[in-house]
Amino acid sequence: MARIEQHEMLTVGQAAQRLGLSPATIRAWVWRRKIQHTRLGRAVRISSLVVDALIERGTVPTLRST
């Protein structure tokens, strides 16, 4: 039997806080489908895995000193 990964589903406000953005920015991304999300009726939830992936993709590595 396959193991189901458990991850947190964040509200727009929680996702915005973790990313250091405004909730309005996250809502605009949802509206433009720039961020994966789940709709539960009128409620919008964003997986913590999606937020973590955004942070990972946006992380710029340091330069090596020579």
PDB file of N, CA and C in Angstrom:
ATOM      1  N   MET A   1       0.841  -1.178   0.000  1.00  0.00           N
ATOM      2  CA  MET A   1       0.000   0.000   0.000  1.00  0.00           C
ATOM      3  C   MET A   1       0.887   1.244   0.000  1.00  0.00           C
ATOM      4  N   ALA A   2       0.570   2.223  -0.833  1.00  0.00           N
ATOM      5  CA  ALA A   2       1.359   3.441  -0.950  1.00  0.00           C
ATOM      6  C   ALA A   2       1.146   4.329   0.269  1.00  0.00           C
ATOM      7  N   ARG A   3       2.214   4.958   0.697  1.00  0.00           N
ATOM      8  CA  ARG A   3       2.133   5.854   1.840  1.00  0.00           C
ATOM      9  C   ARG A   3       1.740   7.241   1.349  1.00  0.00           C
ATOM     10  N   ILE A   4       0.782   7.841   1.994  1.00  0.00           N
ATOM     11  CA  ILE A   4       0.327   9.177   1.633  1.00  0.00           C
ATOM     12  C   ILE A   4       1.101  10.184   2.469  1.00  0.00           C
ATOM     13  N   GLU A   5       1.760  11.114   1.788  1.00  0.00           N
ATOM     14  CA  GLU A   5       2.509  12.160   2.483  1.00  0.00           C
ATOM     15  C   GLU A   5       1.543  13.156   3.110  1.00  0.00           C
ATOM     16  N   GLN A   6       1.782  13.496   4.342  1.00  0.00           N
ATOM     17  CA  GLN A   6       0.976  14.494   5.025  1.00  0.00           C
ATOM     18  C   GLN A   6       1.665  15.848   4.907  1.00  0.00           C
ATOM     19  N   HIS A   7       0.920  16.836   4.516  1.00  0.00           N
ATOM     20  CA  HIS A   7       1.448  18.184   4.474  1.00  0.00           C
ATOM     21  C   HIS A   7       0.347  19.152   4.844  1.00  0.00           C
ATOM     22  N   GLU A   8       0.746  20.299   5.287  1.00  0.00           N
ATOM     23  CA  GLU A   8      -0.192  21.291   5.782  1.00  0.00           C
ATOM     24  C   GLU A   8      -0.809  22.074   4.624  1.00  0.00           C
ATOM     25  N   MET A   9      -2.083  22.341   4.729  1.00  0.00           N
ATOM     26  CA  MET A   9      -2.769  23.196   3.775  1.00  0.00           C
ATOM     27  C   MET A   9      -2.902  24.571   4.417  1.00  0.00           C
ATOM     28  N   LEU A  10      -2.341  25.567   3.756  1.00  0.00           N
ATOM     29  CA  LEU A  10      -2.279  26.914   4.309  1.00  0.00           C
ATOM     30  C   LEU A  10      -3.383  27.799   3.740  1.00  0.00           C
ATOM     31  N   THR A  11      -3.840  28.732   4.549  1.00  0.00           N
ATOM     32  CA  THR A  11      -4.753  29.756   4.050  1.00  0.00           C
ATOM     33  C   THR A  11      -3.933  30.747   3.234  1.00  0.00           C
ATOM     34  N   VAL A  12      -4.606  31.629   2.532  1.00  0.00           N
ATOM     35  CA  VAL A  12      -3.913  32.665   1.756  1.00  0.00           C
ATOM     36  C   VAL A  12      -3.052  33.516   2.688  1.00  0.00           C
ATOM     37  N   GLY A  13      -3.591  33.869   3.837  1.00  0.00           N
ATOM     38  CA  GLY A  13      -2.844  34.677   4.802  1.00  0.00           C
ATOM     39  C   GLY A  13      -1.607  33.975   5.330  1.00  0.00           C
ATOM     40  N   GLN A  14      -1.733  32.686   5.632  1.00  0.00           N
ATOM     41  CA  GLN A  14      -0.586  31.919   6.132  1.00  0.00           C
ATOM     42  C   GLN A  14       0.492  31.786   5.057  1.00  0.00           C
ATOM     43  N   ALA A  15       0.077  31.508   3.824  1.00  0.00           N
ATOM     44  CA  ALA A  15       1.045  31.393   2.731  1.00  0.00           C
ATOM     45  C   ALA A  15       1.748  32.720   2.512  1.00  0.00           C
ATOM     46  N   ALA A  16       1.000  33.811   2.560  1.00  0.00           N
ATOM     47  CA  ALA A  16       1.588  35.141   2.384  1.00  0.00           C
ATOM     48  C   ALA A  16       2.615  35.430   3.476  1.00  0.00           C
ATOM     49  N   GLN A  17       2.284  35.079   4.696  1.00  0.00           N
ATOM     50  CA  GLN A  17       3.196  35.313   5.818  1.00  0.00           C
ATOM     51  C   GLN A  17       4.487  34.515   5.653  1.00  0.00           C
ATOM     52  N   ARG A  18       4.380  33.253   5.253  1.00  0.00           N
ATOM     53  CA  ARG A  18       5.568  32.416   5.080  1.00  0.00           C
ATOM     54  C   ARG A  18       6.456  32.923   3.952  1.00  0.00           C
ATOM     55  N   LEU A  19       5.838  33.532   2.929  1.00  0.00           N
ATOM     56  CA  LEU A  19       6.603  34.036   1.795  1.00  0.00           C
ATOM     57  C   LEU A  19       7.022  35.497   1.967  1.00  0.00           C
ATOM     58  N   GLY A  20       6.523  36.147   3.006  1.00  0.00           N
ATOM     59  CA  GLY A  20       6.851  37.556   3.227  1.00  0.00           C
ATOM     60  C   GLY A  20       6.187  38.469   2.205  1.00  0.00           C
ATOM     61  N   LEU A  21       5.000  38.084   1.767  1.00  0.00           N
ATOM     62  CA  LEU A  21       4.241  38.853   0.786  1.00  0.00           C
ATOM     63  C   LEU A  21       2.895  39.247   1.380  1.00  0.00           C
ATOM     64  N   SER A  22       2.178  40.093   0.671  1.00  0.00           N
ATOM     65  CA  SER A  22       0.845  40.464   1.145  1.00  0.00           C
ATOM     66  C   SER A  22      -0.173  39.421   0.694  1.00  0.00           C
ATOM     67  N   PRO A  23      -1.245  39.266   1.454  1.00  0.00           N
ATOM     68  CA  PRO A  23      -2.307  38.358   1.020  1.00  0.00           C
ATOM     69  C   PRO A  23      -2.879  38.746  -0.350  1.00  0.00           C
ATOM     70  N   ALA A  24      -2.891  40.034  -0.656  1.00  0.00           N
ATOM     71  CA  ALA A  24      -3.396  40.485  -1.959  1.00  0.00           C
ATOM     72  C   ALA A  24      -2.541  39.927  -3.095  1.00  0.00           C
ATOM     73  N   THR A  25      -1.235  39.834  -2.888  1.00  0.00           N
ATOM     74  CA  THR A  25      -0.340  39.262  -3.907  1.00  0.00           C
ATOM     75  C   THR A  25      -0.671  37.796  -4.124  1.00  0.00           C
ATOM     76  N   ILE A  26      -0.853  37.060  -3.040  1.00  0.00           N
ATOM     77  CA  ILE A  26      -1.182  35.635  -3.155  1.00  0.00           C
ATOM     78  C   ILE A  26      -2.530  35.463  -3.844  1.00  0.00           C
ATOM     79  N   ARG A  27      -3.523  36.285  -3.474  1.00  0.00           N
ATOM     80  CA  ARG A  27      -4.831  36.195  -4.138  1.00  0.00           C
ATOM     81  C   ARG A  27      -4.708  36.490  -5.629  1.00  0.00           C
ATOM     82  N   ALA A  28      -3.872  37.467  -6.001  1.00  0.00           N
ATOM     83  CA  ALA A  28      -3.663  37.774  -7.422  1.00  0.00           C
ATOM     84  C   ALA A  28      -3.019  36.592  -8.128  1.00  0.00           C
ATOM     85  N   TRP A  29      -2.046  35.939  -7.484  1.00  0.00           N
ATOM     86  CA  TRP A  29      -1.408  34.758  -8.072  1.00  0.00           C
ATOM     87  C   TRP A  29      -2.418  33.639  -8.255  1.00  0.00           C
ATOM     88  N   VAL A  30      -3.311  33.458  -7.286  1.00  0.00           N
ATOM     89  CA  VAL A  30      -4.349  32.434  -7.395  1.00  0.00           C
ATOM     90  C   VAL A  30      -5.256  32.765  -8.584  1.00  0.00           C
ATOM     91  N   TRP A  31      -5.683  34.015  -8.675  1.00  0.00           N
ATOM     92  CA  TRP A  31      -6.575  34.452  -9.744  1.00  0.00           C
ATOM     93  C   TRP A  31      -5.938  34.228 -11.123  1.00  0.00           C
ATOM     94  N   ARG A  32      -4.620  34.520 -11.224  1.00  0.00           N
ATOM     95  CA  ARG A  32      -3.897  34.359 -12.494  1.00  0.00           C
ATOM     96  C   ARG A  32      -3.341  32.949 -12.695  1.00  0.00           C
ATOM     97  N   ARG A  33      -3.613  32.072 -11.729  1.00  0.00           N
ATOM     98  CA  ARG A  33      -3.119  30.692 -11.733  1.00  0.00           C
ATOM     99  C   ARG A  33      -1.589  30.632 -11.800  1.00  0.00           C
ATOM    100  N   LYS A  34      -0.931  31.520 -11.066  1.00  0.00           N
ATOM    101  CA  LYS A  34       0.526  31.528 -10.987  1.00  0.00           C
ATOM    102  C   LYS A  34       1.034  30.682  -9.821  1.00  0.00           C
ATOM    103  N   ILE A  35       0.113  30.221  -8.971  1.00  0.00           N
ATOM    104  CA  ILE A  35       0.475  29.371  -7.841  1.00  0.00           C
ATOM    105  C   ILE A  35      -0.571  28.257  -7.754  1.00  0.00           C
ATOM    106  N   GLN A  36      -0.086  27.050  -7.530  1.00  0.00           N
ATOM    107  CA  GLN A  36      -1.012  25.921  -7.388  1.00  0.00           C
ATOM    108  C   GLN A  36      -1.826  26.098  -6.120  1.00  0.00           C
ATOM    109  N   HIS A  37      -3.096  25.782  -6.195  1.00  0.00           N
ATOM    110  CA  HIS A  37      -3.966  25.931  -5.041  1.00  0.00           C
ATOM    111  C   HIS A  37      -5.113  24.935  -5.124  1.00  0.00           C
ATOM    112  N   THR A  38      -5.808  24.807  -4.016  1.00  0.00           N
ATOM    113  CA  THR A  38      -6.968  23.930  -3.929  1.00  0.00           C
ATOM    114  C   THR A  38      -8.150  24.771  -3.490  1.00  0.00           C
ATOM    115  N   ARG A  39      -9.258  24.597  -4.175  1.00  0.00           N
ATOM    116  CA  ARG A  39     -10.485  25.291  -3.788  1.00  0.00           C
ATOM    117  C   ARG A  39     -11.391  24.303  -3.061  1.00  0.00           C
ATOM    118  N   LEU A  40     -11.846  24.720  -1.901  1.00  0.00           N
ATOM    119  CA  LEU A  40     -12.797  23.950  -1.103  1.00  0.00           C
ATOM    120  C   LEU A  40     -14.028  24.832  -0.947  1.00  0.00           C
ATOM    121  N   GLY A  41     -14.918  24.736  -1.920  1.00  0.00           N
ATOM    122  CA  GLY A  41     -16.023  25.684  -1.959  1.00  0.00           C
ATOM    123  C   GLY A  41     -15.451  27.043  -2.333  1.00  0.00           C
ATOM    124  N   ARG A  42     -15.669  28.035  -1.488  1.00  0.00           N
ATOM    125  CA  ARG A  42     -15.100  29.364  -1.733  1.00  0.00           C
ATOM    126  C   ARG A  42     -13.729  29.537  -1.098  1.00  0.00           C
ATOM    127  N   ALA A  43     -13.368  28.623  -0.211  1.00  0.00           N
ATOM    128  CA  ALA A  43     -12.083  28.713   0.483  1.00  0.00           C
ATOM    129  C   ALA A  43     -10.951  28.273  -0.439  1.00  0.00           C
ATOM    130  N   VAL A  44      -9.834  28.967  -0.328  1.00  0.00           N
ATOM    131  CA  VAL A  44      -8.638  28.635  -1.106  1.00  0.00           C
ATOM    132  C   VAL A  44      -7.566  28.189  -0.128  1.00  0.00           C
ATOM    133  N   ARG A  45      -6.929  27.062  -0.439  1.00  0.00           N
ATOM    134  CA  ARG A  45      -5.826  26.564   0.373  1.00  0.00           C
ATOM    135  C   ARG A  45      -4.638  26.300  -0.527  1.00  0.00           C
ATOM    136  N   ILE A  46      -3.449  26.537   0.020  1.00  0.00           N
ATOM    137  CA  ILE A  46      -2.206  26.337  -0.713  1.00  0.00           C
ATOM    138  C   ILE A  46      -1.354  25.367   0.092  1.00  0.00           C
ATOM    139  N   SER A  47      -0.875  24.346  -0.573  1.00  0.00           N
ATOM    140  CA  SER A  47      -0.073  23.327   0.092  1.00  0.00           C
ATOM    141  C   SER A  47       1.243  23.923   0.585  1.00  0.00           C
ATOM    142  N   SER A  48       1.659  23.502   1.759  1.00  0.00           N
ATOM    143  CA  SER A  48       2.958  23.942   2.274  1.00  0.00           C
ATOM    144  C   SER A  48       4.084  23.468   1.361  1.00  0.00           C
ATOM    145  N   LEU A  49       3.865  22.353   0.660  1.00  0.00           N
ATOM    146  CA  LEU A  49       4.873  21.869  -0.288  1.00  0.00           C
ATOM    147  C   LEU A  49       5.047  22.841  -1.455  1.00  0.00           C
ATOM    148  N   VAL A  50       3.958  23.459  -1.898  1.00  0.00           N
ATOM    149  CA  VAL A  50       4.021  24.454  -2.977  1.00  0.00           C
ATOM    150  C   VAL A  50       4.797  25.676  -2.504  1.00  0.00           C
ATOM    151  N   VAL A  51       4.521  26.119  -1.282  1.00  0.00           N
ATOM    152  CA  VAL A  51       5.227  27.277  -0.722  1.00  0.00           C
ATOM    153  C   VAL A  51       6.712  26.966  -0.581  1.00  0.00           C
ATOM    154  N   ASP A  52       7.035  25.787  -0.058  1.00  0.00           N
ATOM    155  CA  ASP A  52       8.438  25.387   0.094  1.00  0.00           C
ATOM    156  C   ASP A  52       9.141  25.323  -1.259  1.00  0.00           C
ATOM    157  N   ALA A  53       8.455  24.833  -2.288  1.00  0.00           N
ATOM    158  CA  ALA A  53       9.041  24.752  -3.627  1.00  0.00           C
ATOM    159  C   ALA A  53       9.304  26.144  -4.191  1.00  0.00           C
ATOM    160  N   LEU A  54       8.405  27.088  -3.950  1.00  0.00           N
ATOM    161  CA  LEU A  54       8.619  28.464  -4.398  1.00  0.00           C
ATOM    162  C   LEU A  54       9.866  29.063  -3.748  1.00  0.00           C
ATOM    163  N   ILE A  55      10.009  28.817  -2.463  1.00  0.00           N
ATOM    164  CA  ILE A  55      11.178  29.321  -1.744  1.00  0.00           C
ATOM    165  C   ILE A  55      12.448  28.681  -2.301  1.00  0.00           C
ATOM    166  N   GLU A  56      12.409  27.380  -2.517  1.00  0.00           N
ATOM    167  CA  GLU A  56      13.580  26.653  -3.033  1.00  0.00           C
ATOM    168  C   GLU A  56      13.982  27.157  -4.419  1.00  0.00           C
ATOM    169  N   ARG A  57      12.994  27.330  -5.302  1.00  0.00           N
ATOM    170  CA  ARG A  57      13.289  27.808  -6.659  1.00  0.00           C
ATOM    171  C   ARG A  57      13.821  29.219  -6.670  1.00  0.00           C
ATOM    172  N   GLY A  58      13.398  30.037  -5.702  1.00  0.00           N
ATOM    173  CA  GLY A  58      13.820  31.424  -5.680  1.00  0.00           C
ATOM    174  C   GLY A  58      15.104  31.675  -4.916  1.00  0.00           C
ATOM    175  N   THR A  59      15.639  30.638  -4.288  1.00  0.00           N
ATOM    176  CA  THR A  59      16.856  30.806  -3.490  1.00  0.00           C
ATOM    177  C   THR A  59      18.078  30.902  -4.407  1.00  0.00           C
ATOM    178  N   VAL A  60      18.837  31.973  -4.213  1.00  0.00           N
ATOM    179  CA  VAL A  60      20.040  32.191  -5.010  1.00  0.00           C
ATOM    180  C   VAL A  60      21.240  31.695  -4.205  1.00  0.00           C
ATOM    181  N   PRO A  61      22.040  30.807  -4.775  1.00  0.00           N
ATOM    182  CA  PRO A  61      23.193  30.288  -4.033  1.00  0.00           C
ATOM    183  C   PRO A  61      24.269  31.361  -3.852  1.00  0.00           C
ATOM    184  N   THR A  62      25.069  31.177  -2.813  1.00  0.00           N
ATOM    185  CA  THR A  62      26.171  32.118  -2.573  1.00  0.00           C
ATOM    186  C   THR A  62      27.299  31.860  -3.547  1.00  0.00           C
ATOM    187  N   LEU A  63      28.120  32.879  -3.734  1.00  0.00           N
ATOM    188  CA  LEU A  63      29.307  32.720  -4.579  1.00  0.00           C
ATOM    189  C   LEU A  63      30.418  32.113  -3.751  1.00  0.00           C
ATOM    190  N   ARG A  64      31.186  31.265  -4.388  1.00  0.00           N
ATOM    191  CA  ARG A  64      32.353  30.686  -3.696  1.00  0.00           C
ATOM    192  C   ARG A  64      33.470  31.714  -3.702  1.00  0.00           C
ATOM    193  N   SER A  65      34.143  31.849  -2.581  1.00  0.00           N
ATOM    194  CA  SER A  65      35.291  32.754  -2.547  1.00  0.00           C
ATOM    195  C   SER A  65      36.523  31.999  -3.031  1.00  0.00           C
ATOM    196  N   THR A  66      37.327  32.656  -3.825  1.00  0.00           N
ATOM    197  CA  THR A  66      38.516  32.003  -4.376  1.00  0.00           C
ATOM    198  C   THR A  66      39.783  32.493  -3.764  1.00  0.00           C
TER     199      THR A  66
END
